[in-house]
């Protein structure tokens, strides 16, 4: 599998009170899978 040479993209999510975690995971999971298929490092939270 060929690794990508593009720089990482920084994304931010603003979670408000009573925000649905299902919606958050539905947004994050495809990004995590794309990183894995591209052979990139896992998503790091801060």
PDB file of N, CA and C in Angstrom:
ATOM      1  N   UNK A   1       0.846  -1.171   0.000  1.00  0.00           N
ATOM      2  CA  UNK A   1       0.000   0.000   0.000  1.00  0.00           C
ATOM      3  C   UNK A   1       0.893   1.236   0.000  1.00  0.00           C
ATOM      4  N   UNK A   2       0.612   2.191  -0.874  1.00  0.00           N
ATOM      5  CA  UNK A   2       1.397   3.410  -0.994  1.00  0.00           C
ATOM      6  C   UNK A   2       0.931   4.440   0.029  1.00  0.00           C
ATOM      7  N   UNK A   3       1.889   5.017   0.740  1.00  0.00           N
ATOM      8  CA  UNK A   3       1.539   6.012   1.754  1.00  0.00           C
ATOM      9  C   UNK A   3       1.422   7.395   1.129  1.00  0.00           C
ATOM     10  N   UNK A   4       0.514   8.189   1.663  1.00  0.00           N
ATOM     11  CA  UNK A   4       0.269   9.537   1.180  1.00  0.00           C
ATOM     12  C   UNK A   4       1.371  10.478   1.663  1.00  0.00           C
ATOM     13  N   UNK A   5       1.754  11.412   0.807  1.00  0.00           N
ATOM     14  CA  UNK A   5       2.762  12.394   1.177  1.00  0.00           C
ATOM     15  C   UNK A   5       2.150  13.763   1.477  1.00  0.00           C
ATOM     16  N   UNK A   6       0.839  13.845   1.473  1.00  0.00           N
ATOM     17  CA  UNK A   6       0.185  15.122   1.774  1.00  0.00           C
ATOM     18  C   UNK A   6       0.237  15.393   3.271  1.00  0.00           C
ATOM     19  N   UNK A   7       0.334  16.667   3.641  1.00  0.00           N
ATOM     20  CA  UNK A   7       0.378  16.986   5.075  1.00  0.00           C
ATOM     21  C   UNK A   7      -0.974  16.709   5.736  1.00  0.00           C
ATOM     22  N   UNK A   8      -0.971  16.460   7.031  1.00  0.00           N
ATOM     23  CA  UNK A   8      -2.231  16.204   7.730  1.00  0.00           C
ATOM     24  C   UNK A   8      -3.111  17.452   7.760  1.00  0.00           C
ATOM     25  N   UNK A   9      -4.395  17.227   7.859  1.00  0.00           N
ATOM     26  CA  UNK A   9      -5.382  18.297   7.964  1.00  0.00           C
ATOM     27  C   UNK A   9      -5.878  18.343   9.402  1.00  0.00           C
ATOM     28  N   UNK A  10      -5.961  19.532   9.952  1.00  0.00           N
ATOM     29  CA  UNK A  10      -6.465  19.697  11.311  1.00  0.00           C
ATOM     30  C   UNK A  10      -7.943  20.060  11.251  1.00  0.00           C
ATOM     31  N   UNK A  11      -8.752  19.269  11.925  1.00  0.00           N
ATOM     32  CA  UNK A  11     -10.189  19.514  12.005  1.00  0.00           C
ATOM     33  C   UNK A  11     -10.571  19.736  13.452  1.00  0.00           C
ATOM     34  N   UNK A  12     -11.552  20.556  13.650  1.00  0.00           N
ATOM     35  CA  UNK A  12     -12.065  20.785  14.996  1.00  0.00           C
ATOM     36  C   UNK A  12     -13.563  20.540  15.031  1.00  0.00           C
ATOM     37  N   UNK A  13     -14.030  20.013  16.117  1.00  0.00           N
ATOM     38  CA  UNK A  13     -15.457  19.783  16.327  1.00  0.00           C
ATOM     39  C   UNK A  13     -15.879  20.541  17.572  1.00  0.00           C
ATOM     40  N   UNK A  14     -16.924  21.315  17.454  1.00  0.00           N
ATOM     41  CA  UNK A  14     -17.469  22.027  18.605  1.00  0.00           C
ATOM     42  C   UNK A  14     -18.653  21.216  19.114  1.00  0.00           C
ATOM     43  N   UNK A  15     -18.503  20.705  20.305  1.00  0.00           N
ATOM     44  CA  UNK A  15     -19.565  19.907  20.916  1.00  0.00           C
ATOM     45  C   UNK A  15     -20.308  20.777  21.913  1.00  0.00           C
ATOM     46  N   UNK A  16     -21.579  20.911  21.688  1.00  0.00           N
ATOM     47  CA  UNK A  16     -22.414  21.752  22.546  1.00  0.00           C
ATOM     48  C   UNK A  16     -23.208  20.869  23.510  1.00  0.00           C
ATOM     49  N   UNK A  17     -23.740  21.444  24.569  1.00  0.00           N
ATOM     50  CA  UNK A  17     -24.531  20.640  25.505  1.00  0.00           C
ATOM     51  C   UNK A  17     -25.666  19.902  24.785  1.00  0.00           C
ATOM     52  N   UNK A  18     -25.894  18.684  25.208  1.00  0.00           N
ATOM     53  CA  UNK A  18     -26.936  17.804  24.669  1.00  0.00           C
ATOM     54  C   UNK A  18     -26.680  17.405  23.209  1.00  0.00           C
ATOM     55  N   UNK A  19     -25.407  17.530  22.779  1.00  0.00           N
ATOM     56  CA  UNK A  19     -25.031  17.115  21.432  1.00  0.00           C
ATOM     57  C   UNK A  19     -25.066  15.598  21.354  1.00  0.00           C
ATOM     58  N   UNK A  20     -25.562  15.078  20.255  1.00  0.00           N
ATOM     59  CA  UNK A  20     -25.664  13.632  20.091  1.00  0.00           C
ATOM     60  C   UNK A  20     -24.281  13.022  19.801  1.00  0.00           C
ATOM     61  N   UNK A  21     -23.841  12.122  20.655  1.00  0.00           N
ATOM     62  CA  UNK A  21     -22.563  11.446  20.422  1.00  0.00           C
ATOM     63  C   UNK A  21     -22.631  10.582  19.174  1.00  0.00           C
ATOM     64  N   UNK A  22     -23.811  10.098  18.833  1.00  0.00           N
ATOM     65  CA  UNK A  22     -23.966   9.315  17.609  1.00  0.00           C
ATOM     66  C   UNK A  22     -23.588  10.159  16.389  1.00  0.00           C
ATOM     67  N   UNK A  23     -24.008  11.408  16.374  1.00  0.00           N
ATOM     68  CA  UNK A  23     -23.658  12.308  15.275  1.00  0.00           C
ATOM     69  C   UNK A  23     -22.150  12.550  15.236  1.00  0.00           C
ATOM     70  N   UNK A  24     -21.533  12.717  16.396  1.00  0.00           N
ATOM     71  CA  UNK A  24     -20.083  12.925  16.460  1.00  0.00           C
ATOM     72  C   UNK A  24     -19.330  11.705  15.930  1.00  0.00           C
ATOM     73  N   UNK A  25     -19.694  10.529  16.386  1.00  0.00           N
ATOM     74  CA  UNK A  25     -19.024   9.313  15.927  1.00  0.00           C
ATOM     75  C   UNK A  25     -19.267   9.067  14.442  1.00  0.00           C
ATOM     76  N   UNK A  26     -20.440   9.463  13.949  1.00  0.00           N
ATOM     77  CA  UNK A  26     -20.734   9.322  12.524  1.00  0.00           C
ATOM     78  C   UNK A  26     -19.849  10.237  11.680  1.00  0.00           C
ATOM     79  N   UNK A  27     -19.388  11.327  12.251  1.00  0.00           N
ATOM     80  CA  UNK A  27     -18.477  12.233  11.551  1.00  0.00           C
ATOM     81  C   UNK A  27     -17.024  11.779  11.667  1.00  0.00           C
ATOM     82  N   UNK A  28     -16.643  11.241  12.823  1.00  0.00           N
ATOM     83  CA  UNK A  28     -15.248  10.882  13.083  1.00  0.00           C
ATOM     84  C   UNK A  28     -14.873   9.519  12.502  1.00  0.00           C
ATOM     85  N   UNK A  29     -15.756   8.562  12.550  1.00  0.00           N
ATOM     86  CA  UNK A  29     -15.428   7.194  12.133  1.00  0.00           C
ATOM     87  C   UNK A  29     -14.974   7.107  10.675  1.00  0.00           C
ATOM     88  N   UNK A  30     -15.630   7.756   9.710  1.00  0.00           N
ATOM     89  CA  UNK A  30     -15.119   7.700   8.328  1.00  0.00           C
ATOM     90  C   UNK A  30     -13.715   8.300   8.193  1.00  0.00           C
ATOM     91  N   UNK A  31     -13.410   9.326   8.992  1.00  0.00           N
ATOM     92  CA  UNK A  31     -12.075   9.918   8.958  1.00  0.00           C
ATOM     93  C   UNK A  31     -11.043   8.931   9.496  1.00  0.00           C
ATOM     94  N   UNK A  32     -11.404   8.232  10.556  1.00  0.00           N
ATOM     95  CA  UNK A  32     -10.497   7.240  11.141  1.00  0.00           C
ATOM     96  C   UNK A  32     -10.224   6.102  10.161  1.00  0.00           C
ATOM     97  N   UNK A  33     -11.270   5.639   9.498  1.00  0.00           N
ATOM     98  CA  UNK A  33     -11.117   4.553   8.530  1.00  0.00           C
ATOM     99  C   UNK A  33     -10.278   5.002   7.338  1.00  0.00           C
ATOM    100  N   UNK A  34     -10.497   6.237   6.858  1.00  0.00           N
ATOM    101  CA  UNK A  34      -9.711   6.763   5.736  1.00  0.00           C
ATOM    102  C   UNK A  34      -8.232   6.834   6.106  1.00  0.00           C
ATOM    103  N   UNK A  35      -7.916   7.269   7.318  1.00  0.00           N
ATOM    104  CA  UNK A  35      -6.519   7.304   7.768  1.00  0.00           C
ATOM    105  C   UNK A  35      -5.924   5.911   7.792  1.00  0.00           C
ATOM    106  N   UNK A  36      -6.684   4.961   8.262  1.00  0.00           N
ATOM    107  CA  UNK A  36      -6.184   3.590   8.340  1.00  0.00           C
ATOM    108  C   UNK A  36      -5.912   3.015   6.952  1.00  0.00           C
ATOM    109  N   UNK A  37      -6.833   3.242   6.010  1.00  0.00           N
ATOM    110  CA  UNK A  37      -6.653   2.740   4.652  1.00  0.00           C
ATOM    111  C   UNK A  37      -5.489   3.435   3.945  1.00  0.00           C
ATOM    112  N   UNK A  38      -5.236   4.690   4.295  1.00  0.00           N
ATOM    113  CA  UNK A  38      -4.138   5.446   3.694  1.00  0.00           C
ATOM    114  C   UNK A  38      -2.794   5.145   4.357  1.00  0.00           C
ATOM    115  N   UNK A  39      -2.817   4.364   5.447  1.00  0.00           N
ATOM    116  CA  UNK A  39      -1.578   4.021   6.135  1.00  0.00           C
ATOM    117  C   UNK A  39      -1.033   5.159   6.974  1.00  0.00           C
ATOM    118  N   UNK A  40      -1.898   6.074   7.375  1.00  0.00           N
ATOM    119  CA  UNK A  40      -1.487   7.209   8.173  1.00  0.00           C
ATOM    120  C   UNK A  40      -1.604   6.906   9.669  1.00  0.00           C
ATOM    121  N   UNK A  41      -1.038   7.812  10.455  1.00  0.00           N
ATOM    122  CA  UNK A  41      -1.109   7.687  11.904  1.00  0.00           C
ATOM    123  C   UNK A  41      -2.564   7.844  12.356  1.00  0.00           C
ATOM    124  N   UNK A  42      -2.916   7.245  13.480  1.00  0.00           N
ATOM    125  CA  UNK A  42      -4.285   7.385  13.988  1.00  0.00           C
ATOM    126  C   UNK A  42      -4.603   8.816  14.373  1.00  0.00           C
ATOM    127  N   UNK A  43      -5.894   9.098  14.479  1.00  0.00           N
ATOM    128  CA  UNK A  43      -6.351  10.419  14.896  1.00  0.00           C
ATOM    129  C   UNK A  43      -5.923  10.659  16.339  1.00  0.00           C
ATOM    130  N   UNK A  44      -5.410  11.853  16.603  1.00  0.00           N
ATOM    131  CA  UNK A  44      -4.970  12.211  17.951  1.00  0.00           C
ATOM    132  C   UNK A  44      -5.849  13.327  18.464  1.00  0.00           C
ATOM    133  N   UNK A  45      -6.429  13.127  19.621  1.00  0.00           N
ATOM    134  CA  UNK A  45      -7.266  14.161  20.221  1.00  0.00           C
ATOM    135  C   UNK A  45      -6.450  15.061  21.117  1.00  0.00           C
ATOM    136  N   UNK A  46      -6.948  16.246  21.311  1.00  0.00           N
ATOM    137  CA  UNK A  46      -6.244  17.154  22.228  1.00  0.00           C
ATOM    138  C   UNK A  46      -7.234  17.901  23.086  1.00  0.00           C
TER     139      UNK A  46
END
